């Protein structure tokens, strides 16, 4: 019974490998493709958010790469393409957004959160150390509990 499952798995794997297609080139012009990838590497994927459009395989990233490629064919500059993307998606689409009042939280938020965490950690540890501090003194000054037996 196990042999049948193994044979089926090997056949399905072989079929999958055999039916694979070669990746079609996205642009006939290698220079255009290089410029497209340069612009796409400076833009953030709106879906993935931790990847650039250049490396993301999300559908929206593929569409945006095609838009970039088409705009470059029509003669748009990289700055014009970035401005178009910012108008459409906001400053968040830029992997390095400009520092301005609307992006202060994006630029300085992580540092403020880290500073707040360090302050909370300092006060928590300081309070804990104060409550756990043992009284300073000699060991013979510790009062022993009285026993139930009385001594003469």
N, C-alpha and C. Protein backbone atom coordinates (compact mmCIF):
# COMPACT_ATOMS: atom_id res chain seq x y z
N UNK A 1 0.83 -1.20 0.00
CA UNK A 1 0.00 0.00 0.00
C UNK A 1 0.87 1.25 0.00
N UNK A 2 1.95 1.22 0.81
CA UNK A 2 2.85 2.35 0.90
C UNK A 2 3.57 2.59 -0.42
N UNK A 3 3.87 1.50 -1.12
CA UNK A 3 4.55 1.61 -2.41
C UNK A 3 3.69 2.34 -3.43
N UNK A 4 2.39 2.13 -3.39
CA UNK A 4 1.49 2.81 -4.32
C UNK A 4 1.51 4.32 -4.08
N UNK A 5 1.50 4.72 -2.83
CA UNK A 5 1.52 6.16 -2.50
C UNK A 5 2.85 6.78 -2.92
N UNK A 6 3.91 6.05 -2.73
CA UNK A 6 5.23 6.54 -3.12
C UNK A 6 5.33 6.69 -4.63
N UNK A 7 4.82 5.71 -5.36
CA UNK A 7 4.83 5.78 -6.83
C UNK A 7 3.97 6.94 -7.31
N UNK A 8 2.81 7.13 -6.70
CA UNK A 8 1.93 8.24 -7.08
C UNK A 8 2.60 9.58 -6.81
N UNK A 9 3.28 9.72 -5.68
CA UNK A 9 3.96 10.97 -5.35
C UNK A 9 5.07 11.27 -6.34
N UNK A 10 5.83 10.24 -6.72
CA UNK A 10 6.92 10.42 -7.69
C UNK A 10 6.34 10.82 -9.05
N UNK A 11 5.25 10.19 -9.46
CA UNK A 11 4.65 10.52 -10.75
C UNK A 11 4.11 11.95 -10.77
N UNK A 12 3.43 12.36 -9.70
CA UNK A 12 2.91 13.73 -9.63
C UNK A 12 4.06 14.75 -9.65
N UNK A 13 5.14 14.45 -8.97
CA UNK A 13 6.30 15.35 -8.96
C UNK A 13 6.91 15.43 -10.35
N UNK A 14 7.07 14.29 -10.99
CA UNK A 14 7.64 14.27 -12.34
C UNK A 14 6.75 15.02 -13.32
N UNK A 15 5.43 14.86 -13.18
CA UNK A 15 4.50 15.56 -14.06
C UNK A 15 4.61 17.07 -13.85
N UNK A 16 4.73 17.48 -12.60
CA UNK A 16 4.84 18.90 -12.30
C UNK A 16 6.11 19.50 -12.87
N UNK A 17 7.21 18.77 -12.79
CA UNK A 17 8.48 19.26 -13.33
C UNK A 17 8.42 19.31 -14.86
N UNK A 18 7.82 18.29 -15.45
CA UNK A 18 7.76 18.22 -16.91
C UNK A 18 6.86 19.29 -17.50
N UNK A 19 5.83 19.71 -16.77
CA UNK A 19 4.89 20.69 -17.33
C UNK A 19 5.30 22.12 -17.03
N UNK A 20 6.42 22.34 -16.36
CA UNK A 20 6.89 23.69 -16.06
C UNK A 20 7.31 24.41 -17.33
N UNK A 21 7.07 25.70 -17.36
CA UNK A 21 7.41 26.50 -18.53
C UNK A 21 8.62 27.38 -18.21
N UNK A 22 9.30 27.77 -19.25
CA UNK A 22 10.41 28.69 -19.10
C UNK A 22 9.86 30.09 -18.87
N UNK A 23 10.49 30.85 -17.98
CA UNK A 23 10.03 32.20 -17.69
C UNK A 23 10.22 33.07 -18.92
N UNK A 24 9.16 33.76 -19.29
CA UNK A 24 9.22 34.64 -20.44
C UNK A 24 9.87 35.96 -20.04
N UNK A 25 10.72 36.51 -20.87
CA UNK A 25 11.31 37.81 -20.54
C UNK A 25 10.23 38.88 -20.51
N UNK A 26 10.33 39.80 -19.54
CA UNK A 26 9.31 40.83 -19.38
C UNK A 26 9.51 41.96 -20.38
N UNK A 27 10.72 42.20 -20.79
CA UNK A 27 10.98 43.27 -21.74
C UNK A 27 12.01 42.79 -22.75
N UNK A 28 11.81 43.20 -23.98
CA UNK A 28 12.75 42.86 -25.03
C UNK A 28 14.03 43.68 -24.89
N UNK A 29 13.90 44.85 -24.26
CA UNK A 29 15.03 45.76 -24.10
C UNK A 29 15.63 45.61 -22.71
N UNK A 30 16.84 45.08 -22.59
CA UNK A 30 17.44 44.88 -21.28
C UNK A 30 17.67 46.20 -20.53
N UNK A 31 17.94 47.28 -21.25
CA UNK A 31 18.13 48.59 -20.61
C UNK A 31 16.82 49.07 -19.97
N UNK A 32 15.72 48.88 -20.69
CA UNK A 32 14.42 49.26 -20.15
C UNK A 32 14.09 48.42 -18.91
N UNK A 33 14.42 47.15 -18.97
CA UNK A 33 14.16 46.27 -17.82
C UNK A 33 15.01 46.69 -16.62
N UNK A 34 16.25 47.07 -16.86
CA UNK A 34 17.13 47.53 -15.76
C UNK A 34 16.59 48.81 -15.14
N UNK A 35 16.13 49.74 -15.97
CA UNK A 35 15.55 50.99 -15.43
C UNK A 35 14.26 50.71 -14.67
N UNK A 36 13.46 49.77 -15.19
CA UNK A 36 12.22 49.40 -14.50
C UNK A 36 12.52 48.83 -13.13
N UNK A 37 13.50 47.95 -13.05
CA UNK A 37 13.84 47.35 -11.76
C UNK A 37 14.48 48.37 -10.82
N UNK A 38 15.21 49.35 -11.37
CA UNK A 38 15.79 50.41 -10.53
C UNK A 38 14.69 51.22 -9.86
N UNK A 39 13.68 51.63 -10.63
CA UNK A 39 12.58 52.40 -10.06
C UNK A 39 11.78 51.53 -9.10
N UNK A 40 11.53 50.29 -9.48
CA UNK A 40 10.73 49.38 -8.65
C UNK A 40 11.44 49.06 -7.34
N UNK A 41 12.77 49.11 -7.33
CA UNK A 41 13.49 48.81 -6.08
C UNK A 41 13.40 49.95 -5.07
N UNK A 42 12.93 51.09 -5.49
CA UNK A 42 12.77 52.23 -4.58
C UNK A 42 11.34 52.40 -4.11
N UNK A 43 10.45 51.49 -4.53
CA UNK A 43 9.04 51.58 -4.16
C UNK A 43 8.64 50.35 -3.34
N UNK A 44 7.81 50.58 -2.33
CA UNK A 44 7.36 49.53 -1.42
C UNK A 44 6.10 48.86 -1.98
N UNK A 45 6.02 47.56 -1.82
CA UNK A 45 4.83 46.81 -2.23
C UNK A 45 3.68 47.19 -1.32
N UNK A 46 2.55 47.63 -1.85
CA UNK A 46 1.42 48.02 -0.99
C UNK A 46 0.80 46.83 -0.24
N UNK A 47 1.01 45.62 -0.74
CA UNK A 47 0.44 44.44 -0.09
C UNK A 47 1.43 43.84 0.90
N UNK A 48 2.66 43.60 0.46
CA UNK A 48 3.66 42.94 1.31
C UNK A 48 4.22 43.87 2.37
N UNK A 49 4.46 45.12 2.04
CA UNK A 49 4.95 46.19 2.90
C UNK A 49 6.36 46.00 3.41
N UNK A 50 6.93 44.83 3.36
CA UNK A 50 8.31 44.66 3.78
C UNK A 50 9.20 44.30 2.60
N UNK A 51 8.66 44.39 1.41
CA UNK A 51 9.41 44.09 0.20
C UNK A 51 9.26 45.23 -0.79
N UNK A 52 10.23 45.34 -1.66
CA UNK A 52 10.10 46.31 -2.74
C UNK A 52 9.23 45.71 -3.84
N UNK A 53 8.78 46.56 -4.71
CA UNK A 53 8.00 46.09 -5.86
C UNK A 53 8.86 45.20 -6.74
N UNK A 54 10.15 45.48 -6.78
CA UNK A 54 11.07 44.72 -7.65
C UNK A 54 11.13 43.25 -7.25
N UNK A 55 11.10 42.93 -5.96
CA UNK A 55 11.24 41.53 -5.54
C UNK A 55 9.91 40.86 -5.20
N UNK A 56 8.87 41.63 -5.01
CA UNK A 56 7.59 41.06 -4.62
C UNK A 56 6.92 40.34 -5.79
N UNK A 57 6.26 39.24 -5.48
CA UNK A 57 5.52 38.49 -6.50
C UNK A 57 4.02 38.69 -6.39
N UNK A 58 3.60 39.62 -5.52
CA UNK A 58 2.17 39.90 -5.36
C UNK A 58 1.62 40.46 -6.67
N UNK A 59 0.35 40.21 -6.91
CA UNK A 59 -0.27 40.66 -8.15
C UNK A 59 -0.19 42.16 -8.36
N UNK A 60 -0.40 42.92 -7.29
CA UNK A 60 -0.33 44.38 -7.41
C UNK A 60 1.08 44.84 -7.76
N UNK A 61 2.09 44.15 -7.26
CA UNK A 61 3.48 44.51 -7.58
C UNK A 61 3.79 44.23 -9.05
N UNK A 62 3.29 43.13 -9.55
CA UNK A 62 3.48 42.81 -10.97
C UNK A 62 2.81 43.87 -11.83
N UNK A 63 1.61 44.28 -11.44
CA UNK A 63 0.90 45.34 -12.18
C UNK A 63 1.66 46.66 -12.12
N UNK A 64 2.19 46.99 -10.94
CA UNK A 64 2.93 48.24 -10.81
C UNK A 64 4.23 48.22 -11.62
N UNK A 65 4.90 47.07 -11.66
CA UNK A 65 6.10 46.96 -12.50
C UNK A 65 5.74 47.16 -13.97
N UNK A 66 4.60 46.61 -14.39
CA UNK A 66 4.16 46.80 -15.77
C UNK A 66 3.83 48.27 -16.04
N UNK A 67 3.23 48.96 -15.05
CA UNK A 67 2.94 50.39 -15.22
C UNK A 67 4.23 51.19 -15.32
N UNK A 68 5.20 50.86 -14.47
CA UNK A 68 6.49 51.54 -14.52
C UNK A 68 7.14 51.34 -15.88
N UNK A 69 7.14 50.11 -16.36
CA UNK A 69 7.73 49.77 -17.65
C UNK A 69 7.06 50.57 -18.77
N UNK A 70 5.73 50.65 -18.73
CA UNK A 70 4.97 51.36 -19.76
C UNK A 70 5.25 52.87 -19.70
N UNK A 71 5.32 53.42 -18.49
CA UNK A 71 5.61 54.85 -18.37
C UNK A 71 7.02 55.17 -18.85
N UNK A 72 7.98 54.28 -18.59
CA UNK A 72 9.34 54.49 -19.10
C UNK A 72 9.36 54.42 -20.62
N UNK A 73 8.59 53.54 -21.21
CA UNK A 73 8.50 53.46 -22.68
C UNK A 73 7.94 54.75 -23.26
N UNK A 74 7.01 55.38 -22.53
CA UNK A 74 6.38 56.61 -23.00
C UNK A 74 7.26 57.84 -22.74
N UNK A 75 8.41 57.64 -22.09
CA UNK A 75 9.35 58.73 -21.91
C UNK A 75 9.31 59.42 -20.56
N UNK A 76 8.58 58.87 -19.61
CA UNK A 76 8.52 59.47 -18.28
C UNK A 76 9.85 59.26 -17.55
N UNK A 77 10.20 60.24 -16.73
CA UNK A 77 11.43 60.12 -15.95
C UNK A 77 11.14 59.33 -14.67
N UNK A 78 12.21 58.91 -14.00
CA UNK A 78 12.04 58.17 -12.75
C UNK A 78 11.35 59.03 -11.70
N UNK A 79 11.69 60.33 -11.67
CA UNK A 79 11.06 61.24 -10.71
C UNK A 79 9.56 61.38 -10.99
N UNK A 80 9.19 61.45 -12.25
CA UNK A 80 7.77 61.56 -12.61
C UNK A 80 7.01 60.29 -12.22
N UNK A 81 7.63 59.15 -12.40
CA UNK A 81 6.98 57.88 -12.04
C UNK A 81 6.80 57.80 -10.53
N UNK A 82 7.82 58.19 -9.77
CA UNK A 82 7.70 58.18 -8.31
C UNK A 82 6.62 59.14 -7.86
N UNK A 83 6.56 60.31 -8.47
CA UNK A 83 5.53 61.29 -8.10
C UNK A 83 4.14 60.74 -8.40
N UNK A 84 3.99 60.05 -9.52
CA UNK A 84 2.71 59.43 -9.86
C UNK A 84 2.31 58.39 -8.80
N UNK A 85 3.28 57.56 -8.39
CA UNK A 85 3.00 56.54 -7.37
C UNK A 85 2.66 57.16 -6.02
N UNK A 86 3.34 58.26 -5.67
CA UNK A 86 3.05 58.95 -4.40
C UNK A 86 1.65 59.55 -4.44
N UNK A 87 1.26 60.14 -5.58
CA UNK A 87 -0.09 60.69 -5.70
C UNK A 87 -1.14 59.59 -5.57
N UNK A 88 -0.82 58.43 -6.06
CA UNK A 88 -1.78 57.32 -6.04
C UNK A 88 -1.82 56.59 -4.71
N UNK A 89 -0.65 56.35 -4.08
CA UNK A 89 -0.57 55.53 -2.87
C UNK A 89 -0.10 56.29 -1.62
N UNK A 90 0.36 57.50 -1.77
CA UNK A 90 0.86 58.26 -0.64
C UNK A 90 2.36 58.02 -0.43
N UNK A 91 2.94 58.74 0.55
CA UNK A 91 4.37 58.64 0.81
C UNK A 91 4.79 57.24 1.26
N UNK A 92 3.85 56.46 1.75
CA UNK A 92 4.18 55.12 2.23
C UNK A 92 4.76 54.24 1.12
N UNK A 93 4.42 54.51 -0.13
CA UNK A 93 4.90 53.69 -1.24
C UNK A 93 6.41 53.84 -1.44
N UNK A 94 6.96 54.96 -1.00
CA UNK A 94 8.40 55.18 -1.13
C UNK A 94 9.13 54.40 -0.06
N UNK A 95 10.17 53.68 -0.45
CA UNK A 95 10.93 52.91 0.53
C UNK A 95 11.73 53.84 1.44
N UNK A 96 12.09 55.02 0.97
CA UNK A 96 12.72 56.06 1.77
C UNK A 96 11.88 57.32 1.66
N UNK A 97 10.79 57.41 2.44
CA UNK A 97 9.91 58.58 2.33
C UNK A 97 10.62 59.84 2.82
N UNK A 98 10.20 61.01 2.33
CA UNK A 98 10.83 62.26 2.78
C UNK A 98 10.44 62.56 4.22
N UNK A 99 11.33 63.28 4.91
CA UNK A 99 11.03 63.69 6.29
C UNK A 99 10.20 64.97 6.22
N UNK A 100 8.95 64.87 6.59
CA UNK A 100 8.06 66.03 6.67
C UNK A 100 7.04 65.75 7.77
N UNK A 101 6.22 66.71 8.07
CA UNK A 101 5.32 66.58 9.22
C UNK A 101 4.41 65.37 9.13
N UNK A 102 4.02 64.98 7.94
CA UNK A 102 3.12 63.82 7.81
C UNK A 102 3.85 62.50 7.95
N UNK A 103 5.18 62.51 7.88
CA UNK A 103 5.93 61.26 8.00
C UNK A 103 6.80 61.21 9.24
N UNK A 104 6.64 62.16 10.16
CA UNK A 104 7.45 62.16 11.38
C UNK A 104 7.28 60.87 12.16
N UNK A 105 6.04 60.43 12.30
CA UNK A 105 5.79 59.19 13.05
C UNK A 105 6.47 58.01 12.38
N UNK A 106 6.47 57.98 11.08
CA UNK A 106 7.12 56.91 10.34
C UNK A 106 8.64 56.92 10.57
N UNK A 107 9.23 58.09 10.61
CA UNK A 107 10.67 58.21 10.79
C UNK A 107 11.11 58.07 12.24
N UNK A 108 10.38 58.73 13.15
CA UNK A 108 10.83 58.82 14.54
C UNK A 108 10.04 57.94 15.49
N UNK A 109 8.95 57.34 15.04
CA UNK A 109 8.12 56.48 15.89
C UNK A 109 8.87 55.32 16.51
N UNK A 110 9.66 54.57 15.75
CA UNK A 110 10.39 53.46 16.35
C UNK A 110 11.35 53.90 17.46
N UNK A 111 12.00 55.04 17.27
CA UNK A 111 12.93 55.53 18.29
C UNK A 111 12.17 55.98 19.54
N UNK A 112 11.02 56.61 19.35
CA UNK A 112 10.21 57.03 20.50
C UNK A 112 9.69 55.82 21.27
N UNK A 113 9.26 54.79 20.56
CA UNK A 113 8.81 53.57 21.23
C UNK A 113 9.95 52.90 21.99
N UNK A 114 11.14 52.88 21.41
CA UNK A 114 12.27 52.29 22.09
C UNK A 114 12.63 53.11 23.34
N UNK A 115 12.60 54.42 23.24
CA UNK A 115 12.89 55.28 24.39
C UNK A 115 11.86 55.07 25.49
N UNK A 116 10.58 55.01 25.12
CA UNK A 116 9.53 54.76 26.11
C UNK A 116 9.72 53.41 26.78
N UNK A 117 10.08 52.40 26.02
CA UNK A 117 10.33 51.08 26.59
C UNK A 117 11.50 51.08 27.56
N UNK A 118 12.56 51.81 27.22
CA UNK A 118 13.72 51.89 28.12
C UNK A 118 13.37 52.63 29.41
N UNK A 119 12.55 53.68 29.31
CA UNK A 119 12.13 54.41 30.51
C UNK A 119 11.29 53.51 31.41
N UNK A 120 10.34 52.79 30.83
CA UNK A 120 9.50 51.87 31.62
C UNK A 120 10.37 50.78 32.23
N UNK A 121 11.32 50.25 31.50
CA UNK A 121 12.21 49.22 32.02
C UNK A 121 13.04 49.76 33.18
N UNK A 122 13.57 50.96 33.06
CA UNK A 122 14.37 51.57 34.12
C UNK A 122 13.55 51.71 35.40
N UNK A 123 12.35 52.30 35.29
CA UNK A 123 11.53 52.50 36.49
C UNK A 123 11.05 51.18 37.09
N UNK A 124 10.76 50.20 36.25
CA UNK A 124 10.34 48.89 36.76
C UNK A 124 11.47 48.21 37.52
N UNK A 125 12.66 48.21 36.95
CA UNK A 125 13.81 47.60 37.62
C UNK A 125 14.19 48.37 38.89
N UNK A 126 14.11 49.69 38.83
CA UNK A 126 14.44 50.50 40.00
C UNK A 126 13.46 50.23 41.14
N UNK A 127 12.19 50.14 40.83
CA UNK A 127 11.18 49.86 41.85
C UNK A 127 11.37 48.45 42.42
N UNK A 128 11.67 47.50 41.57
CA UNK A 128 11.89 46.12 42.01
C UNK A 128 13.10 46.02 42.92
N UNK A 129 14.16 46.71 42.58
CA UNK A 129 15.36 46.69 43.41
C UNK A 129 15.11 47.29 44.78
N UNK A 130 14.29 48.34 44.85
CA UNK A 130 13.99 48.97 46.14
C UNK A 130 13.16 48.06 47.04
N UNK A 131 12.21 47.33 46.44
CA UNK A 131 11.36 46.46 47.24
C UNK A 131 12.06 45.18 47.65
N UNK A 132 13.07 44.78 46.91
CA UNK A 132 13.77 43.53 47.23
C UNK A 132 15.00 43.76 48.09
N UNK A 133 15.32 45.00 48.39
CA UNK A 133 16.51 45.29 49.17
C UNK A 133 16.36 44.75 50.58
N UNK A 134 17.39 44.07 51.07
CA UNK A 134 17.38 43.51 52.41
C UNK A 134 17.90 44.55 53.39
N UNK A 135 17.40 44.55 54.64
CA UNK A 135 17.92 45.51 55.61
C UNK A 135 19.38 45.19 55.93
N UNK A 136 20.14 46.22 56.10
CA UNK A 136 21.56 46.06 56.40
C UNK A 136 21.71 45.94 57.91
N UNK A 137 22.45 44.97 58.36
CA UNK A 137 22.64 44.79 59.79
C UNK A 137 23.36 43.49 60.07
N UNK A 138 23.61 43.24 61.34
CA UNK A 138 24.28 42.01 61.72
C UNK A 138 23.28 40.88 61.81
N UNK A 139 23.78 39.66 61.68
CA UNK A 139 22.91 38.50 61.72
C UNK A 139 22.38 38.24 63.12
N UNK A 140 23.11 38.70 64.18
CA UNK A 140 22.63 38.43 65.53
C UNK A 140 21.53 39.40 65.94
N UNK A 141 21.31 40.42 65.12
CA UNK A 141 20.25 41.35 65.47
C UNK A 141 18.88 40.88 64.98
N UNK A 142 18.88 39.78 64.26
CA UNK A 142 17.61 39.24 63.79
C UNK A 142 16.91 38.58 64.96
N UNK A 143 15.68 38.93 65.16
CA UNK A 143 14.91 38.41 66.27
C UNK A 143 14.45 37.01 65.95
N UNK A 144 14.75 36.09 66.87
CA UNK A 144 14.33 34.70 66.70
C UNK A 144 12.92 34.54 67.26
N UNK A 145 12.09 33.78 66.62
CA UNK A 145 10.74 33.59 67.15
C UNK A 145 10.79 32.83 68.48
N UNK A 146 9.92 33.21 69.36
CA UNK A 146 9.87 32.57 70.67
C UNK A 146 9.32 31.18 70.51
N UNK A 147 9.92 30.25 71.23
CA UNK A 147 9.43 28.88 71.16
C UNK A 147 8.32 28.71 72.16
N UNK A 148 7.55 27.69 71.97
CA UNK A 148 6.40 27.45 72.88
C UNK A 148 6.88 26.94 74.25
N UNK A 149 8.06 26.40 74.31
CA UNK A 149 8.59 25.94 75.59
C UNK A 149 9.20 27.12 76.33
N UNK A 150 8.97 27.18 77.59
CA UNK A 150 9.55 28.26 78.36
C UNK A 150 10.84 27.79 79.00
N UNK A 151 11.81 28.61 79.07
CA UNK A 151 13.10 28.29 79.64
C UNK A 151 13.18 28.87 81.06
N UNK A 152 13.83 28.14 82.00
CA UNK A 152 13.94 28.67 83.38
C UNK A 152 15.01 29.71 83.52
